[in-house]
PDB file of N, CA and C in Angstrom:
ATOM      1  N   MET A   1       0.860  -1.174   0.000  1.00  0.00           N
ATOM      2  CA  MET A   1       0.000   0.000   0.000  1.00  0.00           C
ATOM      3  C   MET A   1       0.902   1.232   0.000  1.00  0.00           C
ATOM      4  N   THR A   2       0.600   2.160  -0.876  1.00  0.00           N
ATOM      5  CA  THR A   2       1.390   3.386  -0.957  1.00  0.00           C
ATOM      6  C   THR A   2       1.011   4.333   0.178  1.00  0.00           C
ATOM      7  N   ASN A   3       1.862   5.320   0.395  1.00  0.00           N
ATOM      8  CA  ASN A   3       1.557   6.322   1.425  1.00  0.00           C
ATOM      9  C   ASN A   3       0.284   7.086   1.081  1.00  0.00           C
ATOM     10  N   GLU A   4       0.067   7.366  -0.195  1.00  0.00           N
ATOM     11  CA  GLU A   4      -1.145   8.070  -0.614  1.00  0.00           C
ATOM     12  C   GLU A   4      -2.388   7.239  -0.312  1.00  0.00           C
ATOM     13  N   GLU A   5      -2.298   5.931  -0.541  1.00  0.00           N
ATOM     14  CA  GLU A   5      -3.426   5.052  -0.232  1.00  0.00           C
ATOM     15  C   GLU A   5      -3.682   4.996   1.271  1.00  0.00           C
ATOM     16  N   LYS A   6      -2.615   4.972   2.053  1.00  0.00           N
ATOM     17  CA  LYS A   6      -2.761   4.972   3.513  1.00  0.00           C
ATOM     18  C   LYS A   6      -3.435   6.255   3.986  1.00  0.00           C
ATOM     19  N   VAL A   7      -3.042   7.379   3.404  1.00  0.00           N
ATOM     20  CA  VAL A   7      -3.643   8.667   3.775  1.00  0.00           C
ATOM     21  C   VAL A   7      -5.148   8.634   3.526  1.00  0.00           C
ATOM     22  N   LYS A   8      -5.568   8.060   2.417  1.00  0.00           N
ATOM     23  CA  LYS A   8      -7.004   7.961   2.127  1.00  0.00           C
ATOM     24  C   LYS A   8      -7.716   7.122   3.183  1.00  0.00           C
ATOM     25  N   TRP A   9      -7.098   6.028   3.607  1.00  0.00           N
ATOM     26  CA  TRP A   9      -7.696   5.191   4.657  1.00  0.00           C
ATOM     27  C   TRP A   9      -7.813   5.960   5.965  1.00  0.00           C
ATOM     28  N   PHE A  10      -6.735   6.649   6.356  1.00  0.00           N
ATOM     29  CA  PHE A  10      -6.765   7.389   7.620  1.00  0.00           C
ATOM     30  C   PHE A  10      -7.761   8.541   7.561  1.00  0.00           C
ATOM     31  N   ASP A  11      -7.866   9.189   6.400  1.00  0.00           N
ATOM     32  CA  ASP A  11      -8.846  10.269   6.255  1.00  0.00           C
ATOM     33  C   ASP A  11     -10.272   9.755   6.390  1.00  0.00           C
ATOM     34  N   ALA A  12     -10.490   8.500   6.041  1.00  0.00           N
ATOM     35  CA  ALA A  12     -11.833   7.919   6.112  1.00  0.00           C
ATOM     36  C   ALA A  12     -12.143   7.302   7.472  1.00  0.00           C
ATOM     37  N   ALA A  13     -11.146   7.254   8.355  1.00  0.00           N
ATOM     38  CA  ALA A  13     -11.357   6.637   9.674  1.00  0.00           C
ATOM     39  C   ALA A  13     -12.403   7.416  10.457  1.00  0.00           C
ATOM     40  N   ILE A  14     -13.297   6.679  11.102  1.00  0.00           N
ATOM     41  CA  ILE A  14     -14.346   7.346  11.876  1.00  0.00           C
ATOM     42  C   ILE A  14     -14.344   6.905  13.340  1.00  0.00           C
ATOM     43  N   ARG A  15     -13.398   6.026  13.723  1.00  0.00           N
ATOM     44  CA  ARG A  15     -13.359   5.555  15.108  1.00  0.00           C
ATOM     45  C   ARG A  15     -11.908   5.267  15.495  1.00  0.00           C
ATOM     46  N   PHE A  16     -11.530   5.769  16.677  1.00  0.00           N
ATOM     47  CA  PHE A  16     -10.201   5.520  17.211  1.00  0.00           C
ATOM     48  C   PHE A  16     -10.337   5.022  18.647  1.00  0.00           C
ATOM     49  N   VAL A  17      -9.578   4.002  18.996  1.00  0.00           N
ATOM     50  CA  VAL A  17      -9.581   3.505  20.372  1.00  0.00           C
ATOM     51  C   VAL A  17      -8.722   4.444  21.209  1.00  0.00           C
ATOM     52  N   LEU A  18      -9.284   4.947  22.303  1.00  0.00           N
ATOM     53  CA  LEU A  18      -8.540   5.812  23.214  1.00  0.00           C
ATOM     54  C   LEU A  18      -8.006   5.020  24.400  1.00  0.00           C
ATOM     55  N   ASP A  19      -8.872   4.178  24.970  1.00  0.00           N
ATOM     56  CA  ASP A  19      -8.480   3.412  26.154  1.00  0.00           C
ATOM     57  C   ASP A  19      -9.498   2.295  26.370  1.00  0.00           C
ATOM     58  N   GLY A  20      -9.135   1.077  26.030  1.00  0.00           N
ATOM     59  CA  GLY A  20     -10.049  -0.044  26.229  1.00  0.00           C
ATOM     60  C   GLY A  20     -11.336   0.119  25.452  1.00  0.00           C
ATOM     61  N   LYS A  21     -12.436   0.306  26.166  1.00  0.00           N
ATOM     62  CA  LYS A  21     -13.761   0.435  25.538  1.00  0.00           C
ATOM     63  C   LYS A  21     -14.148   1.888  25.264  1.00  0.00           C
ATOM     64  N   ILE A  22     -13.212   2.810  25.448  1.00  0.00           N
ATOM     65  CA  ILE A  22     -13.483   4.227  25.186  1.00  0.00           C
ATOM     66  C   ILE A  22     -12.924   4.579  23.811  1.00  0.00           C
ATOM     67  N   HIS A  23     -13.794   5.153  22.982  1.00  0.00           N
ATOM     68  CA  HIS A  23     -13.436   5.461  21.607  1.00  0.00           C
ATOM     69  C   HIS A  23     -13.732   6.920  21.270  1.00  0.00           C
ATOM     70  N   LEU A  24     -12.947   7.447  20.344  1.00  0.00           N
ATOM     71  CA  LEU A  24     -13.251   8.723  19.718  1.00  0.00           C
ATOM     72  C   LEU A  24     -13.972   8.368  18.421  1.00  0.00           C
ATOM     73  N   VAL A  25     -15.227   8.812  18.295  1.00  0.00           N
ATOM     74  CA  VAL A  25     -16.081   8.377  17.191  1.00  0.00           C
ATOM     75  C   VAL A  25     -16.617   9.588  16.432  1.00  0.00           C
ATOM     76  N   MET A  26     -16.469   9.548  15.093  1.00  0.00           N
ATOM     77  CA  MET A  26     -17.094  10.591  14.286  1.00  0.00           C
ATOM     78  C   MET A  26     -18.584  10.273  14.186  1.00  0.00           C
ATOM     79  N   LYS A  27     -19.407  11.193  14.658  1.00  0.00           N
ATOM     80  CA  LYS A  27     -20.851  10.980  14.664  1.00  0.00           C
ATOM     81  C   LYS A  27     -21.525  11.530  13.417  1.00  0.00           C
ATOM     82  N   SER A  28     -20.941  12.557  12.813  1.00  0.00           N
ATOM     83  CA  SER A  28     -21.492  13.113  11.576  1.00  0.00           C
ATOM     84  C   SER A  28     -20.403  13.912  10.877  1.00  0.00           C
ATOM     85  N   ARG A  29     -20.649  14.197   9.607  1.00  0.00           N
ATOM     86  CA  ARG A  29     -19.716  15.017   8.835  1.00  0.00           C
ATOM     87  C   ARG A  29     -20.551  15.973   7.993  1.00  0.00           C
ATOM     88  N   LEU A  30     -20.241  17.258   8.096  1.00  0.00           N
ATOM     89  CA  LEU A  30     -20.962  18.273   7.341  1.00  0.00           C
ATOM     90  C   LEU A  30     -19.941  19.182   6.675  1.00  0.00           C
ATOM     91  N   ASN A  31     -20.022  19.306   5.365  1.00  0.00           N
ATOM     92  CA  ASN A  31     -19.077  20.139   4.600  1.00  0.00           C
ATOM     93  C   ASN A  31     -17.629  19.764   4.881  1.00  0.00           C
ATOM     94  N   GLY A  32     -17.365  18.480   5.027  1.00  0.00           N
ATOM     95  CA  GLY A  32     -16.008  17.993   5.236  1.00  0.00           C
ATOM     96  C   GLY A  32     -15.497  18.104   6.659  1.00  0.00           C
ATOM     97  N   VAL A  33     -16.323  18.589   7.571  1.00  0.00           N
ATOM     98  CA  VAL A  33     -15.914  18.737   8.974  1.00  0.00           C
ATOM     99  C   VAL A  33     -16.675  17.721   9.813  1.00  0.00           C
ATOM    100  N   GLY A  34     -15.920  16.913  10.558  1.00  0.00           N
ATOM    101  CA  GLY A  34     -16.548  15.893  11.387  1.00  0.00           C
ATOM    102  C   GLY A  34     -16.962  16.420  12.746  1.00  0.00           C
ATOM    103  N   ASN A  35     -18.020  15.858  13.276  1.00  0.00           N
ATOM    104  CA  ASN A  35     -18.435  16.089  14.662  1.00  0.00           C
ATOM    105  C   ASN A  35     -18.117  14.815  15.423  1.00  0.00           C
ATOM    106  N   TRP A  36     -17.293  14.943  16.443  1.00  0.00           N
ATOM    107  CA  TRP A  36     -16.748  13.800  17.154  1.00  0.00           C
ATOM    108  C   TRP A  36     -17.294  13.717  18.566  1.00  0.00           C
ATOM    109  N   SER A  37     -17.310  12.509  19.088  1.00  0.00           N
ATOM    110  CA  SER A  37     -17.784  12.250  20.437  1.00  0.00           C
ATOM    111  C   SER A  37     -16.842  11.251  21.093  1.00  0.00           C
ATOM    112  N   ILE A  38     -16.630  11.399  22.392  1.00  0.00           N
ATOM    113  CA  ILE A  38     -15.844  10.431  23.163  1.00  0.00           C
ATOM    114  C   ILE A  38     -16.846   9.504  23.826  1.00  0.00           C
ATOM    115  N   VAL A  39     -16.801   8.231  23.437  1.00  0.00           N
ATOM    116  CA  VAL A  39     -17.844   7.278  23.801  1.00  0.00           C
ATOM    117  C   VAL A  39     -17.271   6.133  24.623  1.00  0.00           C
ATOM    118  N   ASP A  40     -17.917   5.857  25.747  1.00  0.00           N
ATOM    119  CA  ASP A  40     -17.651   4.636  26.507  1.00  0.00           C
ATOM    120  C   ASP A  40     -18.617   3.600  25.947  1.00  0.00           C
ATOM    121  N   THR A  41     -18.119   2.729  25.084  1.00  0.00           N
ATOM    122  CA  THR A  41     -19.002   1.795  24.389  1.00  0.00           C
ATOM    123  C   THR A  41     -19.572   0.738  25.318  1.00  0.00           C
ATOM    124  N   ALA A  42     -18.895   0.438  26.410  1.00  0.00           N
ATOM    125  CA  ALA A  42     -19.408  -0.565  27.355  1.00  0.00           C
ATOM    126  C   ALA A  42     -20.622  -0.039  28.108  1.00  0.00           C
ATOM    127  N   ALA A  43     -20.618   1.256  28.430  1.00  0.00           N
ATOM    128  CA  ALA A  43     -21.699   1.845  29.227  1.00  0.00           C
ATOM    129  C   ALA A  43     -22.675   2.679  28.394  1.00  0.00           C
ATOM    130  N   ASN A  44     -22.381   2.865  27.095  1.00  0.00           N
ATOM    131  CA  ASN A  44     -23.182   3.713  26.214  1.00  0.00           C
ATOM    132  C   ASN A  44     -23.321   5.122  26.787  1.00  0.00           C
ATOM    133  N   LYS A  45     -22.176   5.683  27.177  1.00  0.00           N
ATOM    134  CA  LYS A  45     -22.136   7.045  27.705  1.00  0.00           C
ATOM    135  C   LYS A  45     -21.150   7.856  26.880  1.00  0.00           C
ATOM    136  N   VAL A  46     -21.342   9.166  26.886  1.00  0.00           N
ATOM    137  CA  VAL A  46     -20.431  10.068  26.198  1.00  0.00           C
ATOM    138  C   VAL A  46     -19.851  11.052  27.209  1.00  0.00           C
ATOM    139  N   LEU A  47     -18.618  11.452  26.957  1.00  0.00           N
ATOM    140  CA  LEU A  47     -17.981  12.459  27.798  1.00  0.00           C
ATOM    141  C   LEU A  47     -18.424  13.824  27.293  1.00  0.00           C
ATOM    142  N   ASN A  48     -19.005  14.617  28.179  1.00  0.00           N
ATOM    143  CA  ASN A  48     -19.499  15.927  27.744  1.00  0.00           C
ATOM    144  C   ASN A  48     -18.497  17.032  28.073  1.00  0.00           C
ATOM    145  N   SER A  49     -18.808  18.241  27.677  1.00  0.00           N
ATOM    146  CA  SER A  49     -17.897  19.372  27.851  1.00  0.00           C
ATOM    147  C   SER A  49     -17.686  19.750  29.312  1.00  0.00           C
ATOM    148  N   ASN A  50     -18.497  19.220  30.218  1.00  0.00           N
ATOM    149  CA  ASN A  50     -18.303  19.424  31.657  1.00  0.00           C
ATOM    150  C   ASN A  50     -17.406  18.351  32.259  1.00  0.00           C
ATOM    151  N   MET A  51     -16.828  17.501  31.389  1.00  0.00           N
ATOM    152  CA  MET A  51     -15.968  16.383  31.807  1.00  0.00           C
ATOM    153  C   MET A  51     -16.745  15.366  32.636  1.00  0.00           C
ATOM    154  N   GLU A  52     -18.009  15.188  32.295  1.00  0.00           N
ATOM    155  CA  GLU A  52     -18.866  14.205  32.966  1.00  0.00           C
ATOM    156  C   GLU A  52     -19.369  13.215  31.923  1.00  0.00           C
ATOM    157  N   TRP A  53     -19.521  11.960  32.351  1.00  0.00           N
ATOM    158  CA  TRP A  53     -20.106  10.947  31.476  1.00  0.00           C
ATOM    159  C   TRP A  53     -21.621  11.050  31.567  1.00  0.00           C
ATOM    160  N   GLU A  54     -22.271  11.090  30.434  1.00  0.00           N
ATOM    161  CA  GLU A  54     -23.734  11.113  30.424  1.00  0.00           C
ATOM    162  C   GLU A  54     -24.255  10.099  29.407  1.00  0.00           C
ATOM    163  N   ASP A  55     -25.471   9.633  29.658  1.00  0.00           N
ATOM    164  CA  ASP A  55     -26.093   8.688  28.737  1.00  0.00           C
ATOM    165  C   ASP A  55     -26.261   9.333  27.369  1.00  0.00           C
ATOM    166  N   GLU A  56     -26.035   8.539  26.333  1.00  0.00           N
ATOM    167  CA  GLU A  56     -26.302   9.041  24.990  1.00  0.00           C
ATOM    168  C   GLU A  56     -27.739   8.684  24.638  1.00  0.00           C
ATOM    169  N   PRO A  57     -28.593   9.704  24.511  1.00  0.00           N
ATOM    170  CA  PRO A  57     -30.005   9.422  24.231  1.00  0.00           C
ATOM    171  C   PRO A  57     -30.193   8.880  22.813  1.00  0.00           C
ATOM    172  N   PRO A  58     -31.335   8.261  22.562  1.00  0.00           N
ATOM    173  CA  PRO A  58     -31.640   7.823  21.197  1.00  0.00           C
ATOM    174  C   PRO A  58     -31.603   9.017  20.242  1.00  0.00           C
ATOM    175  N   LEU A  59     -31.341   8.750  18.992  1.00  0.00           N
ATOM    176  CA  LEU A  59     -31.191   9.800  17.987  1.00  0.00           C
ATOM    177  C   LEU A  59     -32.341  10.804  17.993  1.00  0.00           C
ATOM    178  N   ASN A  60     -33.556  10.342  18.110  1.00  0.00           N
ATOM    179  CA  ASN A  60     -34.713  11.252  18.053  1.00  0.00           C
ATOM    180  C   ASN A  60     -34.913  12.053  19.338  1.00  0.00           C
ATOM    181  N   LYS A  61     -34.113  11.806  20.358  1.00  0.00           N
ATOM    182  CA  LYS A  61     -34.247  12.543  21.624  1.00  0.00           C
ATOM    183  C   LYS A  61     -33.039  13.437  21.913  1.00  0.00           C
ATOM    184  N   ARG A  62     -32.148  13.578  20.955  1.00  0.00           N
ATOM    185  CA  ARG A  62     -30.964  14.430  21.144  1.00  0.00           C
ATOM    186  C   ARG A  62     -31.321  15.866  20.803  1.00  0.00           C
ATOM    187  N   ASP A  63     -31.357  16.706  21.824  1.00  0.00           N
ATOM    188  CA  ASP A  63     -31.684  18.109  21.592  1.00  0.00           C
ATOM    189  C   ASP A  63     -30.409  18.917  21.342  1.00  0.00           C
ATOM    190  N   ASP A  64     -30.587  20.204  21.048  1.00  0.00           N
ATOM    191  CA  ASP A  64     -29.448  21.065  20.745  1.00  0.00           C
ATOM    192  C   ASP A  64     -28.469  21.151  21.904  1.00  0.00           C
ATOM    193  N   SER A  65     -28.968  21.198  23.127  1.00  0.00           N
ATOM    194  CA  SER A  65     -28.063  21.317  24.276  1.00  0.00           C
ATOM    195  C   SER A  65     -27.185  20.073  24.408  1.00  0.00           C
ATOM    196  N   PHE A  66     -27.753  18.895  24.139  1.00  0.00           N
ATOM    197  CA  PHE A  66     -26.936  17.677  24.160  1.00  0.00           C
ATOM    198  C   PHE A  66     -25.858  17.750  23.083  1.00  0.00           C
ATOM    199  N   MET A  67     -26.234  18.172  21.892  1.00  0.00           N
ATOM    200  CA  MET A  67     -25.278  18.233  20.789  1.00  0.00           C
ATOM    201  C   MET A  67     -24.143  19.207  21.098  1.00  0.00           C
ATOM    202  N   ILE A  68     -24.451  20.309  21.738  1.00  0.00           N
ATOM    203  CA  ILE A  68     -23.419  21.279  22.108  1.00  0.00           C
ATOM    204  C   ILE A  68     -22.494  20.689  23.170  1.00  0.00           C
ATOM    205  N   ARG A  69     -23.055  19.967  24.131  1.00  0.00           N
ATOM    206  CA  ARG A  69     -22.257  19.377  25.219  1.00  0.00           C
ATOM    207  C   ARG A  69     -21.415  18.183  24.773  1.00  0.00           C
ATOM    208  N   ALA A  70     -21.887  17.440  23.779  1.00  0.00           N
ATOM    209  CA  ALA A  70     -21.298  16.123  23.520  1.00  0.00           C
ATOM    210  C   ALA A  70     -20.709  15.933  22.122  1.00  0.00           C
ATOM    211  N   ARG A  71     -20.667  16.957  21.296  1.00  0.00           N
ATOM    212  CA  ARG A  71     -20.087  16.850  19.955  1.00  0.00           C
ATOM    213  C   ARG A  71     -19.006  17.910  19.809  1.00  0.00           C
ATOM    214  N   PHE A  72     -17.872  17.508  19.224  1.00  0.00           N
ATOM    215  CA  PHE A  72     -16.711  18.389  19.176  1.00  0.00           C
ATOM    216  C   PHE A  72     -16.000  18.279  17.835  1.00  0.00           C
ATOM    217  N   LYS A  73     -15.239  19.300  17.510  1.00  0.00           N
ATOM    218  CA  LYS A  73     -14.296  19.195  16.404  1.00  0.00           C
ATOM    219  C   LYS A  73     -13.206  18.219  16.847  1.00  0.00           C
ATOM    220  N   PHE A  74     -12.529  17.601  15.890  1.00  0.00           N
ATOM    221  CA  PHE A  74     -11.549  16.568  16.205  1.00  0.00           C
ATOM    222  C   PHE A  74     -10.492  17.062  17.196  1.00  0.00           C
ATOM    223  N   ASP A  75      -9.863  18.196  16.902  1.00  0.00           N
ATOM    224  CA  ASP A  75      -8.797  18.708  17.774  1.00  0.00           C
ATOM    225  C   ASP A  75      -9.308  19.003  19.178  1.00  0.00           C
ATOM    226  N   ASP A  76     -10.514  19.537  19.275  1.00  0.00           N
ATOM    227  CA  ASP A  76     -11.097  19.825  20.588  1.00  0.00           C
ATOM    228  C   ASP A  76     -11.362  18.537  21.367  1.00  0.00           C
ATOM    229  N   ALA A  77     -11.844  17.511  20.672  1.00  0.00           N
ATOM    230  CA  ALA A  77     -12.124  16.230  21.337  1.00  0.00           C
ATOM    231  C   ALA A  77     -10.839  15.597  21.857  1.00  0.00           C
ATOM    232  N   VAL A  78      -9.785  15.636  21.058  1.00  0.00           N
ATOM    233  CA  VAL A  78      -8.504  15.064  21.490  1.00  0.00           C
ATOM    234  C   VAL A  78      -7.967  15.830  22.692  1.00  0.00           C
ATOM    235  N   ALA A  79      -8.022  17.158  22.649  1.00  0.00           N
ATOM    236  CA  ALA A  79      -7.548  17.974  23.773  1.00  0.00           C
ATOM    237  C   ALA A  79      -8.372  17.706  25.026  1.00  0.00           C
ATOM    238  N   MET A  80      -9.674  17.557  24.863  1.00  0.00           N
ATOM    239  CA  MET A  80     -10.535  17.276  26.015  1.00  0.00           C
ATOM    240  C   MET A  80     -10.192  15.923  26.627  1.00  0.00           C
ATOM    241  N   TRP A  81      -9.941  14.922  25.789  1.00  0.00           N
ATOM    242  CA  TRP A  81      -9.574  13.595  26.296  1.00  0.00           C
ATOM    243  C   TRP A  81      -8.262  13.667  27.084  1.00  0.00           C
ATOM    244  N   GLU A  82      -7.287  14.389  26.559  1.00  0.00           N
ATOM    245  CA  GLU A  82      -6.006  14.539  27.260  1.00  0.00           C
ATOM    246  C   GLU A  82      -6.215  15.218  28.615  1.00  0.00           C
ATOM    247  N   GLN A  83      -7.054  16.234  28.645  1.00  0.00           N
ATOM    248  CA  GLN A  83      -7.356  16.926  29.900  1.00  0.00           C
ATOM    249  C   GLN A  83      -8.079  15.987  30.863  1.00  0.00           C
ATOM    250  N   TYR A  84      -9.034  15.238  30.372  1.00  0.00           N
ATOM    251  CA  TYR A  84      -9.775  14.290  31.209  1.00  0.00           C
ATOM    252  C   TYR A  84      -8.825  13.269  31.828  1.00  0.00           C
ATOM    253  N   LYS A  85      -7.896  12.753  31.038  1.00  0.00           N
ATOM    254  CA  LYS A  85      -6.942  11.757  31.549  1.00  0.00           C
ATOM    255  C   LYS A  85      -6.104  12.318  32.690  1.00  0.00           C
ATOM    256  N   MET A  86      -5.728  13.593  32.598  1.00  0.00           N
ATOM    257  CA  MET A  86      -4.922  14.206  33.660  1.00  0.00           C
ATOM    258  C   MET A  86      -5.685  14.226  34.975  1.00  0.00           C
ATOM    259  N   PHE A  87      -6.972  14.543  34.927  1.00  0.00           N
ATOM    260  CA  PHE A  87      -7.767  14.646  36.145  1.00  0.00           C
ATOM    261  C   PHE A  87      -8.255  13.295  36.640  1.00  0.00           C
ATOM    262  N   ALA A  88      -8.375  12.332  35.743  1.00  0.00           N
ATOM    263  CA  ALA A  88      -8.880  11.010  36.122  1.00  0.00           C
ATOM    264  C   ALA A  88      -7.819  10.159  36.815  1.00  0.00           C
ATOM    265  N   GLU A  89      -6.557  10.504  36.627  1.00  0.00           N
ATOM    266  CA  GLU A  89      -5.475   9.697  37.225  1.00  0.00           C
ATOM    267  C   GLU A  89      -5.258  10.008  38.679  1.00  0.00           C
TER     268      GLU A  89
END
């Protein structure tokens, strides 16, 4: 596989393992920009902007306030995870 082919695969990635059952997951993409969430797949919870785990409601019950609390740009999600790890240790 060439480096260019690898880049295409990585650009298409929508899920990264952060720690065990915790993943960084692209939930949607609009105009080439992904909305990411930090998900505990074992508990079906997401890490919100208050650094708290909350239940992820069904799609039809996600209001604007949930989306603001639980969806991030990629760089913001990675930075938030790093910050969370510092306080969780």
